[in-house]
Amino acid sequence: MAKPTVKLTLELTASTELLLARASESADFKTLTAFIERAAVEKALQILDDTKAITLDSESFEAFIASCESPAPPNDTLKFAFQGRTTKKDISQLDENG
């Protein structure tokens, strides 16, 4: 059984279409659609993979850990952002109700 599909319309310049068609043929794709889909999925996965992790050098990592272990006191902006978000009552209800 075929997977359900959706239609996507692209507007390309003639030179871009020609470039994609030539690359598709060179890579032995049966259709230009299959080539574009594969290329788009690969690029999307790469972008998501690149953005899901942060890489730090040793010095930056140590600074990050130090900040986590000894945070600065909350400033007015943080206090304002936190107002009304959580109360001790809310926390105790979580403890009681799991």
PDB file of N, CA and C in Angstrom:
ATOM      1  N   MET A   1       0.841  -1.181   0.000  1.00  0.00           N
ATOM      2  CA  MET A   1       0.000   0.000   0.000  1.00  0.00           C
ATOM      3  C   MET A   1       0.889   1.249   0.000  1.00  0.00           C
ATOM      4  N   ALA A   2       0.597   2.178  -0.873  1.00  0.00           N
ATOM      5  CA  ALA A   2       1.388   3.409  -0.983  1.00  0.00           C
ATOM      6  C   ALA A   2       1.102   4.337   0.189  1.00  0.00           C
ATOM      7  N   LYS A   3       2.141   5.038   0.604  1.00  0.00           N
ATOM      8  CA  LYS A   3       1.978   6.019   1.672  1.00  0.00           C
ATOM      9  C   LYS A   3       1.200   7.213   1.141  1.00  0.00           C
ATOM     10  N   PRO A   4       0.360   7.823   1.995  1.00  0.00           N
ATOM     11  CA  PRO A   4      -0.344   9.025   1.551  1.00  0.00           C
ATOM     12  C   PRO A   4       0.664  10.140   1.256  1.00  0.00           C
ATOM     13  N   THR A   5       0.381  10.924   0.262  1.00  0.00           N
ATOM     14  CA  THR A   5       1.283  12.009  -0.107  1.00  0.00           C
ATOM     15  C   THR A   5       0.529  13.331  -0.135  1.00  0.00           C
ATOM     16  N   VAL A   6       1.285  14.405  -0.129  1.00  0.00           N
ATOM     17  CA  VAL A   6       0.727  15.743  -0.310  1.00  0.00           C
ATOM     18  C   VAL A   6       1.445  16.380  -1.488  1.00  0.00           C
ATOM     19  N   LYS A   7       0.811  17.343  -2.102  1.00  0.00           N
ATOM     20  CA  LYS A   7       1.404  18.003  -3.257  1.00  0.00           C
ATOM     21  C   LYS A   7       2.102  19.277  -2.797  1.00  0.00           C
ATOM     22  N   LEU A   8       3.292  19.510  -3.319  1.00  0.00           N
ATOM     23  CA  LEU A   8       4.072  20.706  -3.024  1.00  0.00           C
ATOM     24  C   LEU A   8       4.432  21.351  -4.352  1.00  0.00           C
ATOM     25  N   THR A   9       4.110  22.613  -4.487  1.00  0.00           N
ATOM     26  CA  THR A   9       4.403  23.329  -5.721  1.00  0.00           C
ATOM     27  C   THR A   9       5.604  24.237  -5.500  1.00  0.00           C
ATOM     28  N   LEU A  10       6.561  24.183  -6.414  1.00  0.00           N
ATOM     29  CA  LEU A  10       7.757  25.018  -6.334  1.00  0.00           C
ATOM     30  C   LEU A  10       7.803  25.967  -7.519  1.00  0.00           C
ATOM     31  N   GLU A  11       8.273  27.166  -7.271  1.00  0.00           N
ATOM     32  CA  GLU A  11       8.551  28.098  -8.358  1.00  0.00           C
ATOM     33  C   GLU A  11      10.056  28.247  -8.437  1.00  0.00           C
ATOM     34  N   LEU A  12      10.620  27.831  -9.562  1.00  0.00           N
ATOM     35  CA  LEU A  12      12.068  27.849  -9.756  1.00  0.00           C
ATOM     36  C   LEU A  12      12.414  28.632 -11.003  1.00  0.00           C
ATOM     37  N   THR A  13      13.623  29.145 -11.035  1.00  0.00           N
ATOM     38  CA  THR A  13      14.100  29.726 -12.288  1.00  0.00           C
ATOM     39  C   THR A  13      14.396  28.574 -13.243  1.00  0.00           C
ATOM     40  N   ALA A  14      14.424  28.894 -14.518  1.00  0.00           N
ATOM     41  CA  ALA A  14      14.705  27.859 -15.519  1.00  0.00           C
ATOM     42  C   ALA A  14      16.089  27.253 -15.296  1.00  0.00           C
ATOM     43  N   SER A  15      17.038  28.084 -14.904  1.00  0.00           N
ATOM     44  CA  SER A  15      18.396  27.565 -14.695  1.00  0.00           C
ATOM     45  C   SER A  15      18.454  26.634 -13.482  1.00  0.00           C
ATOM     46  N   THR A  16      17.686  26.937 -12.455  1.00  0.00           N
ATOM     47  CA  THR A  16      17.649  26.051 -11.284  1.00  0.00           C
ATOM     48  C   THR A  16      16.994  24.728 -11.641  1.00  0.00           C
ATOM     49  N   GLU A  17      15.915  24.785 -12.399  1.00  0.00           N
ATOM     50  CA  GLU A  17      15.253  23.547 -12.814  1.00  0.00           C
ATOM     51  C   GLU A  17      16.199  22.683 -13.646  1.00  0.00           C
ATOM     52  N   LEU A  18      16.935  23.306 -14.545  1.00  0.00           N
ATOM     53  CA  LEU A  18      17.885  22.574 -15.377  1.00  0.00           C
ATOM     54  C   LEU A  18      18.986  21.955 -14.525  1.00  0.00           C
ATOM     55  N   LEU A  19      19.506  22.712 -13.586  1.00  0.00           N
ATOM     56  CA  LEU A  19      20.541  22.203 -12.679  1.00  0.00           C
ATOM     57  C   LEU A  19      20.036  20.985 -11.909  1.00  0.00           C
ATOM     58  N   LEU A  20      18.842  21.095 -11.340  1.00  0.00           N
ATOM     59  CA  LEU A  20      18.275  19.980 -10.570  1.00  0.00           C
ATOM     60  C   LEU A  20      18.014  18.772 -11.462  1.00  0.00           C
ATOM     61  N   ALA A  21      17.517  19.007 -12.657  1.00  0.00           N
ATOM     62  CA  ALA A  21      17.249  17.900 -13.582  1.00  0.00           C
ATOM     63  C   ALA A  21      18.545  17.185 -13.963  1.00  0.00           C
ATOM     64  N   ARG A  22      19.597  17.956 -14.235  1.00  0.00           N
ATOM     65  CA  ARG A  22      20.886  17.343 -14.591  1.00  0.00           C
ATOM     66  C   ARG A  22      21.450  16.535 -13.429  1.00  0.00           C
ATOM     67  N   ALA A  23      21.367  17.088 -12.227  1.00  0.00           N
ATOM     68  CA  ALA A  23      21.866  16.367 -11.049  1.00  0.00           C
ATOM     69  C   ALA A  23      21.042  15.112 -10.798  1.00  0.00           C
ATOM     70  N   SER A  24      19.739  15.220 -10.972  1.00  0.00           N
ATOM     71  CA  SER A  24      18.853  14.070 -10.778  1.00  0.00           C
ATOM     72  C   SER A  24      19.209  12.939 -11.733  1.00  0.00           C
ATOM     73  N   GLU A  25      19.425  13.287 -12.987  1.00  0.00           N
ATOM     74  CA  GLU A  25      19.804  12.277 -13.982  1.00  0.00           C
ATOM     75  C   GLU A  25      21.174  11.680 -13.668  1.00  0.00           C
ATOM     76  N   SER A  26      22.115  12.524 -13.279  1.00  0.00           N
ATOM     77  CA  SER A  26      23.467  12.046 -12.965  1.00  0.00           C
ATOM     78  C   SER A  26      23.474  11.084 -11.790  1.00  0.00           C
ATOM     79  N   ALA A  27      22.555  11.296 -10.863  1.00  0.00           N
ATOM     80  CA  ALA A  27      22.480  10.442  -9.675  1.00  0.00           C
ATOM     81  C   ALA A  27      21.525   9.266  -9.878  1.00  0.00           C
ATOM     82  N   ASP A  28      21.044   9.086 -11.106  1.00  0.00           N
ATOM     83  CA  ASP A  28      20.163   7.966 -11.470  1.00  0.00           C
ATOM     84  C   ASP A  28      18.840   7.942 -10.713  1.00  0.00           C
ATOM     85  N   PHE A  29      18.295   9.111 -10.429  1.00  0.00           N
ATOM     86  CA  PHE A  29      16.952   9.148  -9.852  1.00  0.00           C
ATOM     87  C   PHE A  29      15.946   8.952 -10.968  1.00  0.00           C
ATOM     88  N   LYS A  30      14.856   8.263 -10.662  1.00  0.00           N
ATOM     89  CA  LYS A  30      13.844   7.999 -11.680  1.00  0.00           C
ATOM     90  C   LYS A  30      13.066   9.255 -12.043  1.00  0.00           C
ATOM     91  N   THR A  31      12.881  10.133 -11.051  1.00  0.00           N
ATOM     92  CA  THR A  31      12.136  11.362 -11.307  1.00  0.00           C
ATOM     93  C   THR A  31      12.822  12.544 -10.627  1.00  0.00           C
ATOM     94  N   LEU A  32      12.540  13.718 -11.141  1.00  0.00           N
ATOM     95  CA  LEU A  32      13.043  14.937 -10.515  1.00  0.00           C
ATOM     96  C   LEU A  32      12.429  15.097  -9.127  1.00  0.00           C
ATOM     97  N   THR A  33      11.173  14.717  -8.986  1.00  0.00           N
ATOM     98  CA  THR A  33      10.508  14.790  -7.681  1.00  0.00           C
ATOM     99  C   THR A  33      11.243  13.951  -6.644  1.00  0.00           C
ATOM    100  N   ALA A  34      11.634  12.741  -7.014  1.00  0.00           N
ATOM    101  CA  ALA A  34      12.350  11.868  -6.076  1.00  0.00           C
ATOM    102  C   ALA A  34      13.675  12.491  -5.665  1.00  0.00           C
ATOM    103  N   PHE A  35      14.368  13.106  -6.630  1.00  0.00           N
ATOM    104  CA  PHE A  35      15.641  13.758  -6.330  1.00  0.00           C
ATOM    105  C   PHE A  35      15.446  14.930  -5.373  1.00  0.00           C
ATOM    106  N   ILE A  36      14.484  15.787  -5.665  1.00  0.00           N
ATOM    107  CA  ILE A  36      14.235  16.961  -4.819  1.00  0.00           C
ATOM    108  C   ILE A  36      13.802  16.526  -3.425  1.00  0.00           C
ATOM    109  N   GLU A  37      12.944  15.513  -3.353  1.00  0.00           N
ATOM    110  CA  GLU A  37      12.505  15.021  -2.044  1.00  0.00           C
ATOM    111  C   GLU A  37      13.696  14.504  -1.239  1.00  0.00           C
ATOM    112  N   ARG A  38      14.535  13.695  -1.846  1.00  0.00           N
ATOM    113  CA  ARG A  38      15.699  13.143  -1.142  1.00  0.00           C
ATOM    114  C   ARG A  38      16.622  14.255  -0.666  1.00  0.00           C
ATOM    115  N   ALA A  39      16.913  15.206  -1.555  1.00  0.00           N
ATOM    116  CA  ALA A  39      17.813  16.307  -1.201  1.00  0.00           C
ATOM    117  C   ALA A  39      17.228  17.152  -0.071  1.00  0.00           C
ATOM    118  N   ALA A  40      15.935  17.427  -0.134  1.00  0.00           N
ATOM    119  CA  ALA A  40      15.294  18.247   0.896  1.00  0.00           C
ATOM    120  C   ALA A  40      15.273  17.531   2.239  1.00  0.00           C
ATOM    121  N   VAL A  41      14.966  16.245   2.231  1.00  0.00           N
ATOM    122  CA  VAL A  41      14.938  15.475   3.481  1.00  0.00           C
ATOM    123  C   VAL A  41      16.336  15.395   4.087  1.00  0.00           C
ATOM    124  N   GLU A  42      17.343  15.118   3.261  1.00  0.00           N
ATOM    125  CA  GLU A  42      18.718  15.051   3.775  1.00  0.00           C
ATOM    126  C   GLU A  42      19.137  16.377   4.393  1.00  0.00           C
ATOM    127  N   LYS A  43      18.817  17.480   3.726  1.00  0.00           N
ATOM    128  CA  LYS A  43      19.186  18.802   4.245  1.00  0.00           C
ATOM    129  C   LYS A  43      18.414  19.108   5.528  1.00  0.00           C
ATOM    130  N   ALA A  44      17.142  18.759   5.580  1.00  0.00           N
ATOM    131  CA  ALA A  44      16.340  18.996   6.785  1.00  0.00           C
ATOM    132  C   ALA A  44      16.894  18.213   7.967  1.00  0.00           C
ATOM    133  N   LEU A  45      17.254  16.957   7.738  1.00  0.00           N
ATOM    134  CA  LEU A  45      17.827  16.142   8.811  1.00  0.00           C
ATOM    135  C   LEU A  45      19.159  16.707   9.284  1.00  0.00           C
ATOM    136  N   GLN A  46      19.970  17.186   8.349  1.00  0.00           N
ATOM    137  CA  GLN A  46      21.258  17.786   8.702  1.00  0.00           C
ATOM    138  C   GLN A  46      21.052  19.035   9.558  1.00  0.00           C
ATOM    139  N   ILE A  47      20.126  19.886   9.160  1.00  0.00           N
ATOM    140  CA  ILE A  47      19.853  21.110   9.917  1.00  0.00           C
ATOM    141  C   ILE A  47      19.368  20.770  11.313  1.00  0.00           C
ATOM    142  N   LEU A  48      18.435  19.837  11.417  1.00  0.00           N
ATOM    143  CA  LEU A  48      17.917  19.450  12.731  1.00  0.00           C
ATOM    144  C   LEU A  48      19.005  18.827  13.590  1.00  0.00           C
ATOM    145  N   ASP A  49      19.844  18.016  12.989  1.00  0.00           N
ATOM    146  CA  ASP A  49      20.943  17.396  13.733  1.00  0.00           C
ATOM    147  C   ASP A  49      21.938  18.447  14.214  1.00  0.00           C
ATOM    148  N   ASP A  50      22.228  19.419  13.357  1.00  0.00           N
ATOM    149  CA  ASP A  50      23.182  20.476  13.714  1.00  0.00           C
ATOM    150  C   ASP A  50      22.658  21.386  14.814  1.00  0.00           C
ATOM    151  N   THR A  51      21.341  21.500  14.932  1.00  0.00           N
ATOM    152  CA  THR A  51      20.777  22.431  15.908  1.00  0.00           C
ATOM    153  C   THR A  51      20.318  21.770  17.195  1.00  0.00           C
ATOM    154  N   LYS A  52      20.406  20.456  17.291  1.00  0.00           N
ATOM    155  CA  LYS A  52      19.936  19.810  18.516  1.00  0.00           C
ATOM    156  C   LYS A  52      21.022  19.681  19.577  1.00  0.00           C
ATOM    157  N   ALA A  53      22.246  19.954  19.217  1.00  0.00           N
ATOM    158  CA  ALA A  53      23.344  19.853  20.172  1.00  0.00           C
ATOM    159  C   ALA A  53      24.211  21.103  20.087  1.00  0.00           C
ATOM    160  N   ILE A  54      24.743  21.472  21.215  1.00  0.00           N
ATOM    161  CA  ILE A  54      25.662  22.601  21.280  1.00  0.00           C
ATOM    162  C   ILE A  54      27.039  22.046  21.607  1.00  0.00           C
ATOM    163  N   THR A  55      28.023  22.436  20.841  1.00  0.00           N
ATOM    164  CA  THR A  55      29.390  21.983  21.075  1.00  0.00           C
ATOM    165  C   THR A  55      30.194  23.134  21.661  1.00  0.00           C
ATOM    166  N   LEU A  56      30.852  22.854  22.777  1.00  0.00           N
ATOM    167  CA  LEU A  56      31.654  23.866  23.452  1.00  0.00           C
ATOM    168  C   LEU A  56      33.100  23.414  23.549  1.00  0.00           C
ATOM    169  N   ASP A  57      34.010  24.386  23.506  1.00  0.00           N
ATOM    170  CA  ASP A  57      35.398  24.048  23.796  1.00  0.00           C
ATOM    171  C   ASP A  57      35.526  23.880  25.312  1.00  0.00           C
ATOM    172  N   SER A  58      36.657  23.391  25.780  1.00  0.00           N
ATOM    173  CA  SER A  58      36.844  23.087  27.208  1.00  0.00           C
ATOM    174  C   SER A  58      36.618  24.300  28.093  1.00  0.00           C
ATOM    175  N   GLU A  59      37.147  25.435  27.688  1.00  0.00           N
ATOM    176  CA  GLU A  59      37.017  26.647  28.502  1.00  0.00           C
ATOM    177  C   GLU A  59      35.554  27.081  28.626  1.00  0.00           C
ATOM    178  N   SER A  60      34.828  27.054  27.529  1.00  0.00           N
ATOM    179  CA  SER A  60      33.411  27.429  27.550  1.00  0.00           C
ATOM    180  C   SER A  60      32.593  26.435  28.360  1.00  0.00           C
ATOM    181  N   PHE A  61      32.920  25.148  28.230  1.00  0.00           N
ATOM    182  CA  PHE A  61      32.212  24.125  28.994  1.00  0.00           C
ATOM    183  C   PHE A  61      32.410  24.335  30.492  1.00  0.00           C
ATOM    184  N   GLU A  62      33.639  24.590  30.898  1.00  0.00           N
ATOM    185  CA  GLU A  62      33.923  24.826  32.318  1.00  0.00           C
ATOM    186  C   GLU A  62      33.183  26.058  32.825  1.00  0.00           C
ATOM    187  N   ALA A  63      33.123  27.109  32.020  1.00  0.00           N
ATOM    188  CA  ALA A  63      32.390  28.321  32.408  1.00  0.00           C
ATOM    189  C   ALA A  63      30.899  28.029  32.539  1.00  0.00           C
ATOM    190  N   PHE A  64      30.365  27.217  31.634  1.00  0.00           N
ATOM    191  CA  PHE A  64      28.951  26.843  31.693  1.00  0.00           C
ATOM    192  C   PHE A  64      28.653  26.054  32.964  1.00  0.00           C
ATOM    193  N   ILE A  65      29.481  25.063  33.270  1.00  0.00           N
ATOM    194  CA  ILE A  65      29.291  24.252  34.477  1.00  0.00           C
ATOM    195  C   ILE A  65      29.391  25.125  35.719  1.00  0.00           C
ATOM    196  N   ALA A  66      30.351  26.024  35.755  1.00  0.00           N
ATOM    197  CA  ALA A  66      30.502  26.918  36.908  1.00  0.00           C
ATOM    198  C   ALA A  66      29.260  27.784  37.084  1.00  0.00           C
ATOM    199  N   SER A  67      28.696  28.264  35.987  1.00  0.00           N
ATOM    200  CA  SER A  67      27.476  29.076  36.063  1.00  0.00           C
ATOM    201  C   SER A  67      26.295  28.262  36.572  1.00  0.00           C
ATOM    202  N   CYS A  68      26.219  27.008  36.159  1.00  0.00           N
ATOM    203  CA  CYS A  68      25.124  26.140  36.619  1.00  0.00           C
ATOM    204  C   CYS A  68      25.264  25.822  38.102  1.00  0.00           C
ATOM    205  N   GLU A  69      26.480  25.603  38.543  1.00  0.00           N
ATOM    206  CA  GLU A  69      26.712  25.221  39.934  1.00  0.00           C
ATOM    207  C   GLU A  69      26.635  26.408  40.886  1.00  0.00           C
ATOM    208  N   SER A  70      26.913  27.603  40.409  1.00  0.00           N
ATOM    209  CA  SER A  70      26.868  28.809  41.245  1.00  0.00           C
ATOM    210  C   SER A  70      26.167  29.923  40.476  1.00  0.00           C
ATOM    211  N   PRO A  71      24.854  29.803  40.316  1.00  0.00           N
ATOM    212  CA  PRO A  71      24.148  30.808  39.513  1.00  0.00           C
ATOM    213  C   PRO A  71      24.139  32.171  40.199  1.00  0.00           C
ATOM    214  N   ALA A  72      24.088  33.203  39.389  1.00  0.00           N
ATOM    215  CA  ALA A  72      23.963  34.561  39.918  1.00  0.00           C
ATOM    216  C   ALA A  72      22.563  34.716  40.511  1.00  0.00           C
ATOM    217  N   PRO A  73      22.396  35.617  41.470  1.00  0.00           N
ATOM    218  CA  PRO A  73      21.054  35.840  42.006  1.00  0.00           C
ATOM    219  C   PRO A  73      20.132  36.359  40.902  1.00  0.00           C
ATOM    220  N   PRO A  74      18.841  36.066  41.001  1.00  0.00           N
ATOM    221  CA  PRO A  74      17.920  36.501  39.949  1.00  0.00           C
ATOM    222  C   PRO A  74      17.851  38.028  39.863  1.00  0.00           C
ATOM    223  N   ASN A  75      17.852  38.538  38.642  1.00  0.00           N
ATOM    224  CA  ASN A  75      17.715  39.979  38.448  1.00  0.00           C
ATOM    225  C   ASN A  75      16.233  40.334  38.304  1.00  0.00           C
ATOM    226  N   ASP A  76      15.934  41.614  38.173  1.00  0.00           N
ATOM    227  CA  ASP A  76      14.539  42.061  38.110  1.00  0.00           C
ATOM    228  C   ASP A  76      13.796  41.475  36.909  1.00  0.00           C
ATOM    229  N   THR A  77      14.476  41.348  35.789  1.00  0.00           N
ATOM    230  CA  THR A  77      13.836  40.792  34.594  1.00  0.00           C
ATOM    231  C   THR A  77      13.426  39.345  34.821  1.00  0.00           C
ATOM    232  N   LEU A  78      14.293  38.562  35.411  1.00  0.00           N
ATOM    233  CA  LEU A  78      13.970  37.167  35.697  1.00  0.00           C
ATOM    234  C   LEU A  78      12.845  37.070  36.718  1.00  0.00           C
ATOM    235  N   LYS A  79      12.896  37.891  37.747  1.00  0.00           N
ATOM    236  CA  LYS A  79      11.831  37.890  38.756  1.00  0.00           C
ATOM    237  C   LYS A  79      10.487  38.224  38.120  1.00  0.00           C
ATOM    238  N   PHE A  80      10.475  39.223  37.240  1.00  0.00           N
ATOM    239  CA  PHE A  80       9.236  39.606  36.567  1.00  0.00           C
ATOM    240  C   PHE A  80       8.718  38.458  35.699  1.00  0.00           C
ATOM    241  N   ALA A  81       9.615  37.821  34.961  1.00  0.00           N
ATOM    242  CA  ALA A  81       9.218  36.716  34.085  1.00  0.00           C
ATOM    243  C   ALA A  81       8.659  35.543  34.876  1.00  0.00           C
ATOM    244  N   PHE A  82       9.139  35.372  36.085  1.00  0.00           N
ATOM    245  CA  PHE A  82       8.746  34.231  36.902  1.00  0.00           C
ATOM    246  C   PHE A  82       7.466  34.488  37.696  1.00  0.00           C
ATOM    247  N   GLN A  83       7.075  35.750  37.844  1.00  0.00           N
ATOM    248  CA  GLN A  83       5.897  36.091  38.646  1.00  0.00           C
ATOM    249  C   GLN A  83       4.674  35.307  38.186  1.00  0.00           C
ATOM    250  N   GLY A  84       3.995  34.704  39.142  1.00  0.00           N
ATOM    251  CA  GLY A  84       2.756  34.002  38.851  1.00  0.00           C
ATOM    252  C   GLY A  84       2.924  32.683  38.136  1.00  0.00           C
ATOM    253  N   ARG A  85       4.139  32.246  37.922  1.00  0.00           N
ATOM    254  CA  ARG A  85       4.355  30.994  37.192  1.00  0.00           C
ATOM    255  C   ARG A  85       4.208  29.771  38.091  1.00  0.00           C
ATOM    256  N   THR A  86       4.852  29.768  39.230  1.00  0.00           N
ATOM    257  CA  THR A  86       4.831  28.615  40.120  1.00  0.00           C
ATOM    258  C   THR A  86       4.767  29.109  41.557  1.00  0.00           C
ATOM    259  N   THR A  87       3.979  28.431  42.349  1.00  0.00           N
ATOM    260  CA  THR A  87       3.912  28.766  43.770  1.00  0.00           C
ATOM    261  C   THR A  87       4.284  27.539  44.583  1.00  0.00           C
ATOM    262  N   LYS A  88       4.544  27.752  45.858  1.00  0.00           N
ATOM    263  CA  LYS A  88       4.833  26.611  46.726  1.00  0.00           C
ATOM    264  C   LYS A  88       3.647  25.661  46.748  1.00  0.00           C
ATOM    265  N   LYS A  89       2.432  26.227  46.671  1.00  0.00           N
ATOM    266  CA  LYS A  89       1.236  25.387  46.646  1.00  0.00           C
ATOM    267  C   LYS A  89       1.256  24.488  45.407  1.00  0.00           C
ATOM    268  N   ASP A  90       1.613  25.058  44.263  1.00  0.00           N
ATOM    269  CA  ASP A  90       1.703  24.261  43.032  1.00  0.00           C
ATOM    270  C   ASP A  90       2.702  23.123  43.195  1.00  0.00           C
ATOM    271  N   ILE A  91       3.845  23.430  43.790  1.00  0.00           N
ATOM    272  CA  ILE A  91       4.889  22.427  43.978  1.00  0.00           C
ATOM    273  C   ILE A  91       4.431  21.348  44.943  1.00  0.00           C
ATOM    274  N   SER A  92       3.763  21.735  46.033  1.00  0.00           N
ATOM    275  CA  SER A  92       3.305  20.727  46.991  1.00  0.00           C
ATOM    276  C   SER A  92       2.241  19.834  46.366  1.00  0.00           C
ATOM    277  N   GLN A  93       1.411  20.387  45.489  1.00  0.00           N
ATOM    278  CA  GLN A  93       0.415  19.558  44.804  1.00  0.00           C
ATOM    279  C   GLN A  93       1.097  18.558  43.874  1.00  0.00           C
ATOM    280  N   LEU A  94       2.178  18.971  43.244  1.00  0.00           N
ATOM    281  CA  LEU A  94       2.928  18.036  42.405  1.00  0.00           C
ATOM    282  C   LEU A  94       3.499  16.906  43.242  1.00  0.00           C
ATOM    283  N   ASP A  95       4.026  17.256  44.424  1.00  0.00           N
ATOM    284  CA  ASP A  95       4.590  16.237  45.303  1.00  0.00           C
ATOM    285  C   ASP A  95       3.522  15.237  45.727  1.00  0.00           C
ATOM    286  N   GLU A  96       2.318  15.736  46.019  1.00  0.00           N
ATOM    287  CA  GLU A  96       1.237  14.867  46.483  1.00  0.00           C
ATOM    288  C   GLU A  96       0.636  14.039  45.353  1.00  0.00           C
ATOM    289  N   ASN A  97       0.529  14.634  44.173  1.00  0.00           N
ATOM    290  CA  ASN A  97      -0.164  13.976  43.066  1.00  0.00           C
ATOM    291  C   ASN A  97       0.772  13.354  42.033  1.00  0.00           C
ATOM    292  N   GLY A  98       2.049  13.431  42.280  1.00  0.00           N
ATOM    293  CA  GLY A  98       2.988  12.761  41.404  1.00  0.00           C
ATOM    294  C   GLY A  98       3.453  13.549  40.263  1.00  0.00           C
TER     295      GLY A  98
END
